[in-house]
C-alpha atoms as a PDB file:
ATOM      1  CA  MET A   1      75.201 102.274  97.393  1.00  0.00           C
ATOM      2  CA  GLY A   2      75.871 105.855  98.184  1.00  0.00           C
ATOM      3  CA  SER A   3      77.991 108.767  97.182  1.00  0.00           C
ATOM      4  CA  PHE A   4      80.063 110.682  99.649  1.00  0.00           C
ATOM      5  CA  ASN A   5      82.575 113.499  99.663  1.00  0.00           C
ATOM      6  CA  ILE A   6      86.170 112.710  98.684  1.00  0.00           C
ATOM      7  CA  GLY A   7      87.230 114.111 102.079  1.00  0.00           C
ATOM      8  CA  GLU A   8      85.547 111.109 103.774  1.00  0.00           C
ATOM      9  CA  VAL A   9      87.565 108.533 101.828  1.00  0.00           C
ATOM     10  CA  SER A  10      90.189 106.621 103.786  1.00  0.00           C
ATOM     11  CA  LYS A  11      92.562 103.706 103.234  1.00  0.00           C
ATOM     12  CA  GLY A  12      90.488 100.545 102.728  1.00  0.00           C
ATOM     13  CA  SER A  13      87.429 102.389 101.323  1.00  0.00           C
ATOM     14  CA  LYS A  14      85.786 100.555  98.429  1.00  0.00           C
ATOM     15  CA  LEU A  15      84.811 102.885  95.571  1.00  0.00           C
ATOM     16  CA  LEU A  16      83.190 102.609  92.168  1.00  0.00           C
ATOM     17  CA  PHE A  17      85.094 104.001  89.148  1.00  0.00           C
ATOM     18  CA  ASP A  18      84.229 103.102  85.521  1.00  0.00           C
ATOM     19  CA  ASN A  19      81.674 100.488  86.688  1.00  0.00           C
ATOM     20  CA  ALA A  20      84.295  98.486  88.591  1.00  0.00           C
ATOM     21  CA  PRO A  21      85.016  98.136  92.318  1.00  0.00           C
ATOM     22  CA  TRP A  22      88.316  99.612  93.547  1.00  0.00           C
ATOM     23  CA  GLN A  23      89.874  99.555  96.998  1.00  0.00           C
ATOM     24  CA  VAL A  24      91.805 102.562  98.258  1.00  0.00           C
ATOM     25  CA  LEU A  25      95.409 101.676  99.176  1.00  0.00           C
ATOM     26  CA  GLU A  26      96.595 105.207  99.919  1.00  0.00           C
ATOM     27  CA  VAL A  27      95.075 108.708 100.259  1.00  0.00           C
ATOM     28  CA  ASN A  28      97.169 111.853 100.072  1.00  0.00           C
ATOM     29  CA  PHE A  29      95.750 115.346 100.569  1.00  0.00           C
ATOM     30  CA  VAL A  30      97.741 117.823  98.473  1.00  0.00           C
ATOM     31  CA  LYS A  31      97.493 121.565  99.115  1.00  0.00           C
ATOM     32  CA  PRO A  32      99.608 123.427  96.568  1.00  0.00           C
ATOM     33  CA  GLY A  33     100.748 127.010  97.229  1.00  0.00           C
ATOM     34  CA  LYS A  34      98.430 128.286  94.503  1.00  0.00           C
ATOM     35  CA  GLY A  35      95.197 126.756  93.257  1.00  0.00           C
ATOM     36  CA  ASN A  36      92.785 124.321  94.829  1.00  0.00           C
ATOM     37  CA  ALA A  37      93.612 121.434  97.137  1.00  0.00           C
ATOM     38  CA  PHE A  38      93.173 117.941  95.706  1.00  0.00           C
ATOM     39  CA  TYR A  39      93.370 114.296  96.716  1.00  0.00           C
ATOM     40  CA  LYS A  40      95.717 111.746  95.211  1.00  0.00           C
ATOM     41  CA  LEU A  41      94.466 108.175  95.620  1.00  0.00           C
ATOM     42  CA  ARG A  42      96.276 104.931  94.907  1.00  0.00           C
ATOM     43  CA  VAL A  43      93.616 102.316  94.183  1.00  0.00           C
ATOM     44  CA  ILE A  44      93.542  98.621  93.241  1.00  0.00           C
ATOM     45  CA  ASN A  45      90.917  97.152  90.920  1.00  0.00           C
ATOM     46  CA  LEU A  46      89.245  94.298  92.830  1.00  0.00           C
ATOM     47  CA  LEU A  47      88.425  92.475  89.564  1.00  0.00           C
ATOM     48  CA  THR A  48      91.786  92.641  87.791  1.00  0.00           C
ATOM     49  CA  GLY A  49      94.314  93.454  90.538  1.00  0.00           C
ATOM     50  CA  ASN A  50      95.589  96.473  88.537  1.00  0.00           C
ATOM     51  CA  THR A  51      96.639  99.508  90.569  1.00  0.00           C
ATOM     52  CA  LEU A  52      96.503 103.130  89.491  1.00  0.00           C
ATOM     53  CA  GLU A  53      96.683 106.692  90.747  1.00  0.00           C
ATOM     54  CA  LYS A  54      93.520 108.822  90.724  1.00  0.00           C
ATOM     55  CA  THR A  55      93.489 112.578  91.288  1.00  0.00           C
ATOM     56  CA  LEU A  56      90.242 114.110  92.567  1.00  0.00           C
ATOM     57  CA  ARG A  57      89.429 117.701  93.451  1.00  0.00           C
ATOM     58  CA  GLY A  58      88.423 118.581  97.005  1.00  0.00           C
ATOM     59  CA  GLY A  59      84.641 118.529  97.376  1.00  0.00           C
ATOM     60  CA  GLU A  60      84.215 115.990  94.555  1.00  0.00           C
ATOM     61  CA  LYS A  61      81.678 113.199  95.101  1.00  0.00           C
ATOM     62  CA  VAL A  62      82.663 109.511  94.845  1.00  0.00           C
ATOM     63  CA  GLU A  63      80.454 106.404  94.649  1.00  0.00           C
ATOM     64  CA  SER A  64      80.895 103.639  97.193  1.00  0.00           C
ATOM     65  CA  ALA A  65      81.105 100.111  95.753  1.00  0.00           C
ATOM     66  CA  ASP A  66      78.810  97.462  97.229  1.00  0.00           C
ATOM     67  CA  VAL A  67      81.681  95.169  98.224  1.00  0.00           C
ATOM     68  CA  THR A  68      81.696  92.861 101.237  1.00  0.00           C
ATOM     69  CA  ASP A  69      84.085  90.210 102.512  1.00  0.00           C
ATOM     70  CA  VAL A  70      82.374  87.066 103.786  1.00  0.00           C
ATOM     71  CA  ASP A  71      84.098  84.375 105.873  1.00  0.00           C
ATOM     72  CA  MET A  72      83.754  81.092 104.024  1.00  0.00           C
ATOM     73  CA  GLN A  73      85.056  77.554 104.105  1.00  0.00           C
ATOM     74  CA  PHE A  74      86.287  75.771 100.972  1.00  0.00           C
ATOM     75  CA  LEU A  75      84.340  72.548 100.324  1.00  0.00           C
ATOM     76  CA  TYR A  76      85.393  71.188  96.900  1.00  0.00           C
ATOM     77  CA  ALA A  77      86.086  72.062  93.267  1.00  0.00           C
ATOM     78  CA  ASP A  78      83.958  70.838  90.366  1.00  0.00           C
ATOM     79  CA  ALA A  79      83.519  71.588  86.647  1.00  0.00           C
ATOM     80  CA  ASN A  80      81.814  74.924  87.417  1.00  0.00           C
ATOM     81  CA  GLY A  81      84.397  76.267  89.843  1.00  0.00           C
ATOM     82  CA  PHE A  82      85.168  76.224  93.541  1.00  0.00           C
ATOM     83  CA  VAL A  83      82.388  75.627  96.058  1.00  0.00           C
ATOM     84  CA  PHE A  84      82.493  77.567  99.327  1.00  0.00           C
ATOM     85  CA  MET A  85      80.169  77.564 102.324  1.00  0.00           C
ATOM     86  CA  ASN A  86      79.270  80.660 104.336  1.00  0.00           C
ATOM     87  CA  THR A  87      80.338  79.850 107.921  1.00  0.00           C
ATOM     88  CA  LYS A  88      77.432  81.879 109.364  1.00  0.00           C
ATOM     89  CA  ASP A  89      74.368  80.623 107.461  1.00  0.00           C
ATOM     90  CA  TYR A  90      75.813  77.493 105.744  1.00  0.00           C
ATOM     91  CA  GLU A  91      74.729  78.785 102.328  1.00  0.00           C
ATOM     92  CA  GLN A  92      76.929  77.528  99.487  1.00  0.00           C
ATOM     93  CA  ILE A  93      78.227  79.484  96.508  1.00  0.00           C
ATOM     94  CA  THR A  94      80.331  78.538  93.488  1.00  0.00           C
ATOM     95  CA  VAL A  95      83.239  80.882  92.789  1.00  0.00           C
ATOM     96  CA  PRO A  96      84.545  80.941  89.194  1.00  0.00           C
ATOM     97  CA  PRO A  97      88.218  79.922  88.683  1.00  0.00           C
ATOM     98  CA  ARG A  98      89.068  83.470  87.478  1.00  0.00           C
ATOM     99  CA  ALA A  99      88.022  84.878  90.871  1.00  0.00           C
ATOM    100  CA  VAL A 100      89.972  82.202  92.796  1.00  0.00           C
ATOM    101  CA  GLY A 101      93.172  82.836  90.813  1.00  0.00           C
ATOM    102  CA  ASP A 102      96.433  81.614  92.358  1.00  0.00           C
ATOM    103  CA  ALA A 103      94.714  80.946  95.694  1.00  0.00           C
ATOM    104  CA  LYS A 104      93.801  77.538  94.172  1.00  0.00           C
ATOM    105  CA  ASP A 105      97.380  76.384  94.836  1.00  0.00           C
ATOM    106  CA  PHE A 106      96.814  76.630  98.600  1.00  0.00           C
ATOM    107  CA  LEU A 107      93.114  75.741  98.871  1.00  0.00           C
ATOM    108  CA  LEU A 108      92.709  72.579 100.908  1.00  0.00           C
ATOM    109  CA  GLU A 109      89.291  71.240 101.889  1.00  0.00           C
ATOM    110  CA  GLN A 110      87.932  73.092 104.909  1.00  0.00           C
ATOM    111  CA  ALA A 111      90.320  76.031 104.435  1.00  0.00           C
ATOM    112  CA  GLU A 112      88.904  79.237 105.960  1.00  0.00           C
ATOM    113  CA  VAL A 113      89.100  82.178 103.540  1.00  0.00           C
ATOM    114  CA  ALA A 114      87.430  85.531 102.876  1.00  0.00           C
ATOM    115  CA  VAL A 115      85.362  85.649  99.686  1.00  0.00           C
ATOM    116  CA  THR A 116      84.863  89.165  98.309  1.00  0.00           C
ATOM    117  CA  LEU A 117      81.363  89.764  96.945  1.00  0.00           C
ATOM    118  CA  TRP A 118      80.464  92.678  94.659  1.00  0.00           C
ATOM    119  CA  ASN A 119      76.718  93.177  94.203  1.00  0.00           C
ATOM    120  CA  GLY A 120      76.350  89.653  95.633  1.00  0.00           C
ATOM    121  CA  GLU A 121      78.684  88.062  93.028  1.00  0.00           C
ATOM    122  CA  PRO A 122      82.011  86.481  94.098  1.00  0.00           C
ATOM    123  CA  ILE A 123      84.929  88.392  92.565  1.00  0.00           C
ATOM    124  CA  ALA A 124      87.938  87.343  94.659  1.00  0.00           C
ATOM    125  CA  VAL A 125      89.188  84.901  97.293  1.00  0.00           C
ATOM    126  CA  ARG A 126      91.497  86.206  99.999  1.00  0.00           C
ATOM    127  CA  MET A 127      93.677  83.573 101.628  1.00  0.00           C
ATOM    128  CA  PRO A 128      95.210  83.888 105.083  1.00  0.00           C
ATOM    129  CA  ASN A 129      98.789  85.276 104.930  1.00  0.00           C
ATOM    130  CA  SER A 130     100.239  81.798 105.383  1.00  0.00           C
ATOM    131  CA  VAL A 131      99.134  78.166 105.180  1.00  0.00           C
ATOM    132  CA  VAL A 132     100.553  74.883 106.438  1.00  0.00           C
ATOM    133  CA  MET A 133     100.700  72.119 103.837  1.00  0.00           C
ATOM    134  CA  GLU A 134     102.306  68.705 103.544  1.00  0.00           C
ATOM    135  CA  VAL A 135     105.096  67.973 101.056  1.00  0.00           C
ATOM    136  CA  GLU A 136     103.882  65.230  98.707  1.00  0.00           C
ATOM    137  CA  TYR A 137     107.107  64.910  96.732  1.00  0.00           C
ATOM    138  CA  THR A 138     110.563  66.452  96.672  1.00  0.00           C
ATOM    139  CA  GLU A 139     114.012  65.153  95.734  1.00  0.00           C
ATOM    140  CA  PRO A 140     115.746  63.468  98.699  1.00  0.00           C
ATOM    141  CA  ALA A 141     118.465  65.532 100.360  1.00  0.00           C
ATOM    142  CA  VAL A 142     122.045  64.576  99.654  1.00  0.00           C
ATOM    143  CA  LYS A 143     123.670  63.291 102.866  1.00  0.00           C
ATOM    144  CA  GLY A 144     125.792  65.939 104.529  1.00  0.00           C
ATOM    145  CA  ASP A 145     124.193  68.779 102.566  1.00  0.00           C
ATOM    146  CA  THR A 146     122.640  70.903 105.297  1.00  0.00           C
ATOM    147  CA  GLN A 147     122.869  74.326 103.680  1.00  0.00           C
ATOM    148  CA  SER A 148     119.582  76.107 104.198  1.00  0.00           C
ATOM    149  CA  ARG A 149     120.322  78.563 101.367  1.00  0.00           C
ATOM    150  CA  VAL A 150     120.045  75.908  98.651  1.00  0.00           C
ATOM    151  CA  LEU A 151     116.464  75.533  97.413  1.00  0.00           C
ATOM    152  CA  LYS A 152     114.669  72.712  95.600  1.00  0.00           C
ATOM    153  CA  THR A 153     111.162  72.219  94.248  1.00  0.00           C
ATOM    154  CA  ALA A 154     108.526  70.536  96.407  1.00  0.00           C
ATOM    155  CA  LYS A 155     105.070  69.412  95.292  1.00  0.00           C
ATOM    156  CA  LEU A 156     102.322  70.110  97.858  1.00  0.00           C
ATOM    157  CA  LYS A 157      99.804  67.444  98.839  1.00  0.00           C
ATOM    158  CA  GLY A 158      96.176  68.237  98.052  1.00  0.00           C
ATOM    159  CA  THR A 159      96.736  70.811  95.299  1.00  0.00           C
ATOM    160  CA  GLY A 160      99.879  69.675  93.462  1.00  0.00           C
ATOM    161  CA  ALA A 161     101.242  73.231  93.618  1.00  0.00           C
ATOM    162  CA  GLU A 162     105.016  73.575  93.482  1.00  0.00           C
ATOM    163  CA  VAL A 163     107.031  75.795  95.811  1.00  0.00           C
ATOM    164  CA  GLN A 164     110.725  76.241  96.562  1.00  0.00           C
ATOM    165  CA  VAL A 165     111.936  74.769  99.872  1.00  0.00           C
ATOM    166  CA  PRO A 166     115.356  74.354 101.540  1.00  0.00           C
ATOM    167  CA  ILE A 167     117.327  71.216 100.660  1.00  0.00           C
ATOM    168  CA  PHE A 168     116.697  69.537 104.068  1.00  0.00           C
ATOM    169  CA  VAL A 169     112.868  69.428 103.653  1.00  0.00           C
ATOM    170  CA  ALA A 170     111.651  65.840 103.103  1.00  0.00           C
ATOM    171  CA  ILE A 171     108.513  64.117 101.809  1.00  0.00           C
ATOM    172  CA  GLY A 172     105.831  64.150 104.513  1.00  0.00           C
ATOM    173  CA  ASP A 173     107.145  67.330 106.175  1.00  0.00           C
ATOM    174  CA  LYS A 174     104.559  69.983 106.957  1.00  0.00           C
ATOM    175  CA  VAL A 175     105.722  73.365 105.720  1.00  0.00           C
ATOM    176  CA  LYS A 176     104.445  76.900 106.252  1.00  0.00           C
ATOM    177  CA  ILE A 177     104.097  78.895 103.013  1.00  0.00           C
ATOM    178  CA  ASN A 178     103.425  82.614 102.452  1.00  0.00           C
ATOM    179  CA  THR A 179     100.336  82.674 100.190  1.00  0.00           C
ATOM    180  CA  ASP A 180     101.325  85.995  98.539  1.00  0.00           C
ATOM    181  CA  THR A 181     104.975  85.367  97.710  1.00  0.00           C
ATOM    182  CA  ARG A 182     104.860  81.505  97.697  1.00  0.00           C
ATOM    183  CA  GLU A 183     107.898  81.685  99.998  1.00  0.00           C
ATOM    184  CA  TYR A 184     108.861  78.920 102.418  1.00  0.00           C
ATOM    185  CA  LEU A 185     108.510  80.205 106.017  1.00  0.00           C
ATOM    186  CA  GLY A 186     109.565  77.129 107.968  1.00  0.00           C
ATOM    187  CA  ARG A 187     108.758  73.564 108.974  1.00  0.00           C
ATOM    188  CA  VAL A 188     105.888  72.941 111.374  1.00  0.00           C
END
């Protein structure tokens, strides 16, 4: 933990406000014609995902948050949460469902993810931008209907998550999905 001058803060810095870890999304230095210069920060709360604007005077001190991202592999889920293994030292941790959030829809065994730790406790799971998953079930395509604009629901194997796919996608197809938007990116 340490405090440093607001002038040293950059995009990606992890700071402590109101006893919660925040990540800086944007830093703007504002120098009005009159008065003192100040910094406008856009920050995201790493616990809740809320974003807000913070205004700090030049020369103000800020606390750094003890936040680290650790590369981990998903092993399995049980009654207590989701069990991940550190790929460096093979140590296992259980991440509570709240911290996994919607990532659970794309978590297949052995998936490589980044687990965000705050003071050693898991607070979030960051998925890769896209994943490849197999379609477990979707309605069969109507013969002759090849429009790629028409979407239908597909259930993904392994998690049961549902995503929208083009009409021509069939059961057993492997599809690439954007983990943020849940958008279909193509067949693999």
